[in-house]
Amino acid sequence: MMARIAAILLPLLLLAGWEGYCRWSGIPALVLPPPSAVGAALWSGLASGRLLPHLAVTAAEMALGLGIGCLVGFAAGVALAEVAGLRRLLYPYVIASQVVPKLALAPLFILWFGFGMTSTVAITALICFFPLLENTLTGLDRVDPAKRELFRMLRAGRWRTLTRLKIPSGLPVILAGLRVAVVLALVGAVVGEFIGGRQGLGASIIAAQGMMDTPLMFALFAVITALGMLVYQATLLFERWLLSRQAKG
């Protein structure tokens, strides 16, 4: 109970200190707006409906990029884990694709896919791809040798061993990669909107910067944070449900 009370009081104290500092120090709102101004900008944007279309665009880009990146990453991880020769052949190229900064690739994505949602989804999918691939490889490799030998003695085929032993055993590690990908998906969507987006929360931040509307920028940061926390908590609930279902089954 004390921990919960502290968790509630801490942000309130931080907001109060922030508000007091802005009011008593005389710092310009252009540099650091008080929380009251940020709250007013946030309420104005939500009440007028101006922020909702941008929020919907960013959420859609995040969901599409996350879904595509995770599906391709999981499938690639399974393929590389099951075929040793394929892993030796392709894994260095996978690493090479990930060490290149995504911001450096963004102009190419804009040339290939144009401005708008498609290029942002492509950037997000590329960012989400590697955590699922790496964690799938790790999870499938960490199978209990005794259980693996038991399946071999029972003459279980490769597909049955994969679906009945390897994936269930590696599921916690794979889901940990999903949690990482969820966080990176929002980062990828917002960064993609910074560079080539016409709509979305990232594009709105660039527009607010151009208008020197610092309270609106902070309000958009708050919306992005709330969206990320909501999706992350939903991922945790999904993980608990899936693991509990696996334990019962």
Protein backbone atom coordinates (compact mmCIF):
# COMPACT_ATOMS: atom_id res chain seq x y z
CA MET A 1 0.00 0.00 0.00
CA MET A 2 2.83 2.39 0.85
CA ALA A 3 4.46 1.69 -2.48
CA ARG A 4 1.23 2.49 -4.32
CA ILE A 5 0.76 5.71 -2.37
CA ALA A 6 4.34 6.70 -3.13
CA ALA A 7 3.83 5.90 -6.81
CA ILE A 8 0.84 8.27 -6.86
CA LEU A 9 2.43 11.03 -4.81
CA LEU A 10 5.75 11.12 -6.66
CA PRO A 11 4.41 12.45 -10.00
CA LEU A 12 2.15 14.90 -8.14
CA LEU A 13 5.15 16.25 -6.22
CA LEU A 14 7.18 16.50 -9.41
CA LEU A 15 4.39 18.38 -11.17
CA ALA A 16 3.98 20.73 -8.20
CA GLY A 17 7.72 21.42 -8.11
CA TRP A 18 7.75 21.98 -11.86
CA GLU A 19 4.82 24.41 -11.63
CA GLY A 20 6.39 26.30 -8.75
CA TYR A 21 9.75 26.60 -10.45
CA CYS A 22 8.19 27.96 -13.65
CA ARG A 23 6.11 30.53 -11.75
CA TRP A 24 8.78 31.73 -9.32
CA SER A 25 11.86 31.60 -11.53
CA GLY A 26 10.33 33.66 -14.31
CA ILE A 27 11.60 31.26 -16.97
CA PRO A 28 9.83 31.93 -20.30
CA ALA A 29 7.08 29.49 -21.27
CA LEU A 30 8.80 29.16 -24.64
CA VAL A 31 11.71 27.46 -22.88
CA LEU A 32 9.84 25.51 -20.19
CA PRO A 33 6.07 25.84 -19.93
CA PRO A 34 4.38 25.12 -16.58
CA PRO A 35 2.26 21.98 -16.28
CA SER A 36 -0.87 24.13 -16.14
CA ALA A 37 -0.11 25.50 -19.62
CA VAL A 38 0.66 22.01 -20.90
CA GLY A 39 -2.60 20.72 -19.45
CA ALA A 40 -4.53 23.58 -21.05
CA ALA A 41 -2.96 22.84 -24.45
CA LEU A 42 -3.69 19.14 -24.05
CA TRP A 43 -7.32 19.77 -23.09
CA SER A 44 -7.77 22.21 -25.96
CA GLY A 45 -6.40 19.72 -28.46
CA LEU A 46 -8.52 16.85 -27.18
CA ALA A 47 -11.73 18.83 -26.66
CA SER A 48 -11.55 20.39 -30.11
CA GLY A 49 -10.73 17.03 -31.70
CA ARG A 50 -7.55 18.30 -33.35
CA LEU A 51 -5.31 15.69 -31.74
CA LEU A 52 -7.55 12.67 -32.23
CA PRO A 53 -6.90 12.17 -35.98
CA HIS A 54 -3.16 12.44 -35.40
CA LEU A 55 -3.38 10.01 -32.49
CA ALA A 56 -5.30 7.56 -34.68
CA VAL A 57 -2.69 7.80 -37.45
CA THR A 58 0.22 7.17 -35.09
CA ALA A 59 -1.59 4.26 -33.42
CA ALA A 60 -2.34 2.73 -36.83
CA GLU A 61 1.26 3.11 -38.01
CA MET A 62 2.50 1.64 -34.76
CA ALA A 63 0.11 -1.34 -34.96
CA LEU A 64 0.87 -2.09 -38.61
CA GLY A 65 4.63 -1.76 -38.23
CA LEU A 66 4.60 -3.82 -35.04
CA GLY A 67 2.47 -6.55 -36.58
CA ILE A 68 4.49 -6.82 -39.78
CA GLY A 69 7.85 -6.59 -38.04
CA CYS A 70 6.95 -9.16 -35.38
CA LEU A 71 5.45 -11.66 -37.83
CA VAL A 72 8.44 -11.46 -40.17
CA GLY A 73 10.88 -11.49 -37.25
CA PHE A 74 9.26 -14.53 -35.66
CA ALA A 75 9.09 -16.43 -38.95
CA ALA A 76 12.69 -15.57 -39.76
CA GLY A 77 13.80 -16.55 -36.27
CA VAL A 78 12.12 -19.95 -36.58
CA ALA A 79 13.64 -20.51 -40.02
CA LEU A 80 17.16 -19.58 -38.90
CA ALA A 81 16.86 -21.67 -35.73
CA GLU A 82 15.68 -24.74 -37.61
CA VAL A 83 18.06 -24.57 -40.59
CA ALA A 84 21.65 -24.21 -39.42
CA GLY A 85 23.01 -23.56 -42.91
CA LEU A 86 20.51 -20.78 -43.47
CA ARG A 87 21.51 -19.24 -40.17
CA ARG A 88 25.20 -19.25 -41.06
CA LEU A 89 24.40 -17.74 -44.45
CA LEU A 90 21.90 -15.00 -43.56
CA TYR A 91 22.54 -14.03 -39.93
CA PRO A 92 25.53 -11.74 -40.72
CA TYR A 93 23.38 -9.83 -43.20
CA VAL A 94 20.61 -9.50 -40.62
CA ILE A 95 23.09 -7.99 -38.17
CA ALA A 96 24.41 -5.67 -40.88
CA SER A 97 20.89 -4.41 -41.57
CA GLN A 98 20.40 -3.57 -37.92
CA VAL A 99 23.66 -1.76 -37.19
CA VAL A 100 22.85 0.87 -39.82
CA PRO A 101 21.00 3.74 -38.09
CA LYS A 102 17.37 3.83 -39.14
CA LEU A 103 17.52 7.60 -39.58
CA ALA A 104 20.13 7.03 -42.27
CA LEU A 105 17.76 4.68 -44.09
CA ALA A 106 14.76 6.99 -43.80
CA PRO A 107 15.52 9.00 -46.97
CA LEU A 108 15.66 5.74 -48.93
CA PHE A 109 12.32 4.64 -47.54
CA ILE A 110 10.82 7.97 -48.56
CA LEU A 111 12.22 7.54 -52.08
CA TRP A 112 10.86 4.00 -52.30
CA PHE A 113 7.50 4.43 -50.58
CA GLY A 114 6.92 8.18 -50.71
CA PHE A 115 5.80 10.49 -47.93
CA GLY A 116 3.04 9.35 -45.61
CA MET A 117 2.03 6.22 -43.77
CA THR A 118 3.73 3.58 -45.93
CA SER A 119 7.29 4.77 -45.32
CA THR A 120 6.61 5.19 -41.60
CA VAL A 121 5.18 1.67 -41.33
CA ALA A 122 8.23 0.31 -43.18
CA ILE A 123 10.63 2.04 -40.77
CA THR A 124 8.63 0.80 -37.77
CA ALA A 125 8.54 -2.76 -39.09
CA LEU A 126 12.30 -2.76 -39.64
CA ILE A 127 12.88 -1.56 -36.08
CA CYS A 128 10.52 -4.20 -34.60
CA PHE A 129 11.93 -7.02 -36.73
CA PHE A 130 15.18 -7.68 -34.89
CA PRO A 131 13.95 -8.06 -31.27
CA LEU A 132 11.55 -10.82 -32.33
CA LEU A 133 14.12 -12.54 -34.50
CA GLU A 134 16.84 -12.48 -31.85
CA ASN A 135 14.57 -13.56 -29.00
CA THR A 136 13.00 -16.29 -31.13
CA LEU A 137 16.45 -17.65 -31.93
CA THR A 138 17.43 -17.50 -28.26
CA GLY A 139 14.18 -19.04 -27.05
CA LEU A 140 14.25 -21.94 -29.50
CA ASP A 141 17.88 -22.70 -28.68
CA ARG A 142 17.22 -22.88 -24.92
CA VAL A 143 15.27 -26.12 -24.95
CA ASP A 144 15.95 -28.62 -22.17
CA PRO A 145 18.27 -31.27 -23.69
CA ALA A 146 16.45 -34.01 -21.77
CA LYS A 147 13.12 -33.03 -23.28
CA ARG A 148 14.68 -32.77 -26.72
CA GLU A 149 16.08 -36.28 -26.32
CA LEU A 150 12.68 -37.54 -25.16
CA PHE A 151 11.03 -36.18 -28.30
CA ARG A 152 13.75 -37.80 -30.38
CA MET A 153 13.16 -41.15 -28.68
CA LEU A 154 9.44 -40.83 -29.36
CA ARG A 155 10.28 -40.28 -33.03
CA ALA A 156 8.58 -36.88 -33.08
CA GLY A 157 8.99 -35.08 -36.38
CA ARG A 158 10.57 -31.67 -36.80
CA TRP A 159 7.21 -29.88 -37.00
CA ARG A 160 5.82 -31.60 -33.88
CA THR A 161 9.04 -30.93 -31.97
CA LEU A 162 8.89 -27.29 -32.99
CA THR A 163 5.24 -26.71 -32.11
CA ARG A 164 5.00 -28.95 -29.04
CA LEU A 165 8.40 -28.42 -27.45
CA LYS A 166 10.56 -25.61 -28.80
CA ILE A 167 8.01 -22.80 -29.18
CA PRO A 168 6.23 -23.50 -25.84
CA SER A 169 9.57 -23.72 -24.04
CA GLY A 170 10.87 -20.53 -25.61
CA LEU A 171 7.62 -18.60 -25.33
CA PRO A 172 8.68 -16.43 -22.31
CA VAL A 173 11.82 -15.32 -24.15
CA ILE A 174 9.88 -14.67 -27.36
CA LEU A 175 7.30 -12.59 -25.47
CA ALA A 176 10.11 -10.59 -23.88
CA GLY A 177 11.16 -9.67 -27.39
CA LEU A 178 7.58 -8.63 -28.11
CA ARG A 179 7.67 -6.23 -25.15
CA VAL A 180 10.84 -4.65 -26.49
CA ALA A 181 9.32 -4.41 -29.96
CA VAL A 182 6.21 -2.65 -28.60
CA VAL A 183 8.34 0.10 -27.10
CA LEU A 184 10.44 0.44 -30.24
CA ALA A 185 7.34 0.47 -32.46
CA LEU A 186 6.15 3.77 -31.02
CA VAL A 187 9.64 5.22 -31.32
CA GLY A 188 9.79 4.12 -34.94
CA ALA A 189 6.37 5.54 -35.77
CA VAL A 190 7.12 8.94 -34.25
CA VAL A 191 10.60 9.15 -35.79
CA GLY A 192 9.18 8.16 -39.16
CA GLU A 193 6.62 10.95 -38.87
CA PHE A 194 9.39 13.40 -38.00
CA ILE A 195 11.02 12.69 -41.35
CA GLY A 196 8.29 11.89 -43.84
CA GLY A 197 4.91 12.05 -42.14
CA ARG A 198 2.11 14.38 -43.10
CA GLN A 199 -0.06 13.37 -40.15
CA GLY A 200 0.50 11.83 -36.75
CA LEU A 201 1.83 12.89 -33.39
CA GLY A 202 5.40 13.17 -34.67
CA ALA A 203 4.34 15.44 -37.53
CA SER A 204 2.32 17.48 -35.03
CA ILE A 205 5.43 17.97 -32.89
CA ILE A 206 7.31 19.30 -35.91
CA ALA A 207 4.41 21.64 -36.68
CA ALA A 208 4.29 22.85 -33.05
CA GLN A 209 8.03 23.44 -33.16
CA GLY A 210 7.59 25.56 -36.28
CA MET A 211 4.95 27.63 -34.48
CA MET A 212 7.17 27.81 -31.36
CA ASP A 213 4.26 26.37 -29.36
CA THR A 214 6.20 24.70 -26.57
CA PRO A 215 3.14 23.85 -24.38
CA LEU A 216 1.64 21.95 -27.33
CA MET A 217 4.91 20.08 -27.83
CA PHE A 218 4.88 18.97 -24.19
CA ALA A 219 1.21 18.03 -24.52
CA LEU A 220 2.06 15.84 -27.50
CA PHE A 221 4.88 14.24 -25.51
CA ALA A 222 2.31 13.41 -22.83
CA VAL A 223 -0.03 11.84 -25.40
CA ILE A 224 2.81 9.75 -26.86
CA THR A 225 3.80 8.60 -23.37
CA ALA A 226 0.21 7.66 -22.51
CA LEU A 227 -0.16 5.73 -25.78
CA GLY A 228 3.07 3.83 -25.18
CA MET A 229 2.16 2.96 -21.58
CA LEU A 230 -1.30 1.79 -22.64
CA VAL A 231 0.01 -0.49 -25.37
CA TYR A 232 2.78 -1.82 -23.12
CA GLN A 233 0.31 -2.68 -20.37
CA ALA A 234 -1.94 -4.38 -22.92
CA THR A 235 1.08 -6.43 -24.02
CA LEU A 236 1.77 -7.47 -20.43
CA LEU A 237 -1.85 -8.59 -20.02
CA PHE A 238 -1.64 -10.56 -23.26
CA GLU A 239 1.61 -12.18 -22.11
CA ARG A 240 0.12 -13.21 -18.77
CA TRP A 241 -2.97 -14.62 -20.47
CA LEU A 242 -0.93 -16.59 -22.99
CA LEU A 243 1.48 -17.99 -20.41
CA SER A 244 -1.33 -18.94 -18.03
CA ARG A 245 -3.19 -20.66 -20.85
CA GLN A 246 -0.02 -22.54 -21.77
CA ALA A 247 0.46 -23.60 -18.13
CA LYS A 248 -3.10 -24.91 -17.93
CA GLY A 249 -2.82 -26.70 -21.25
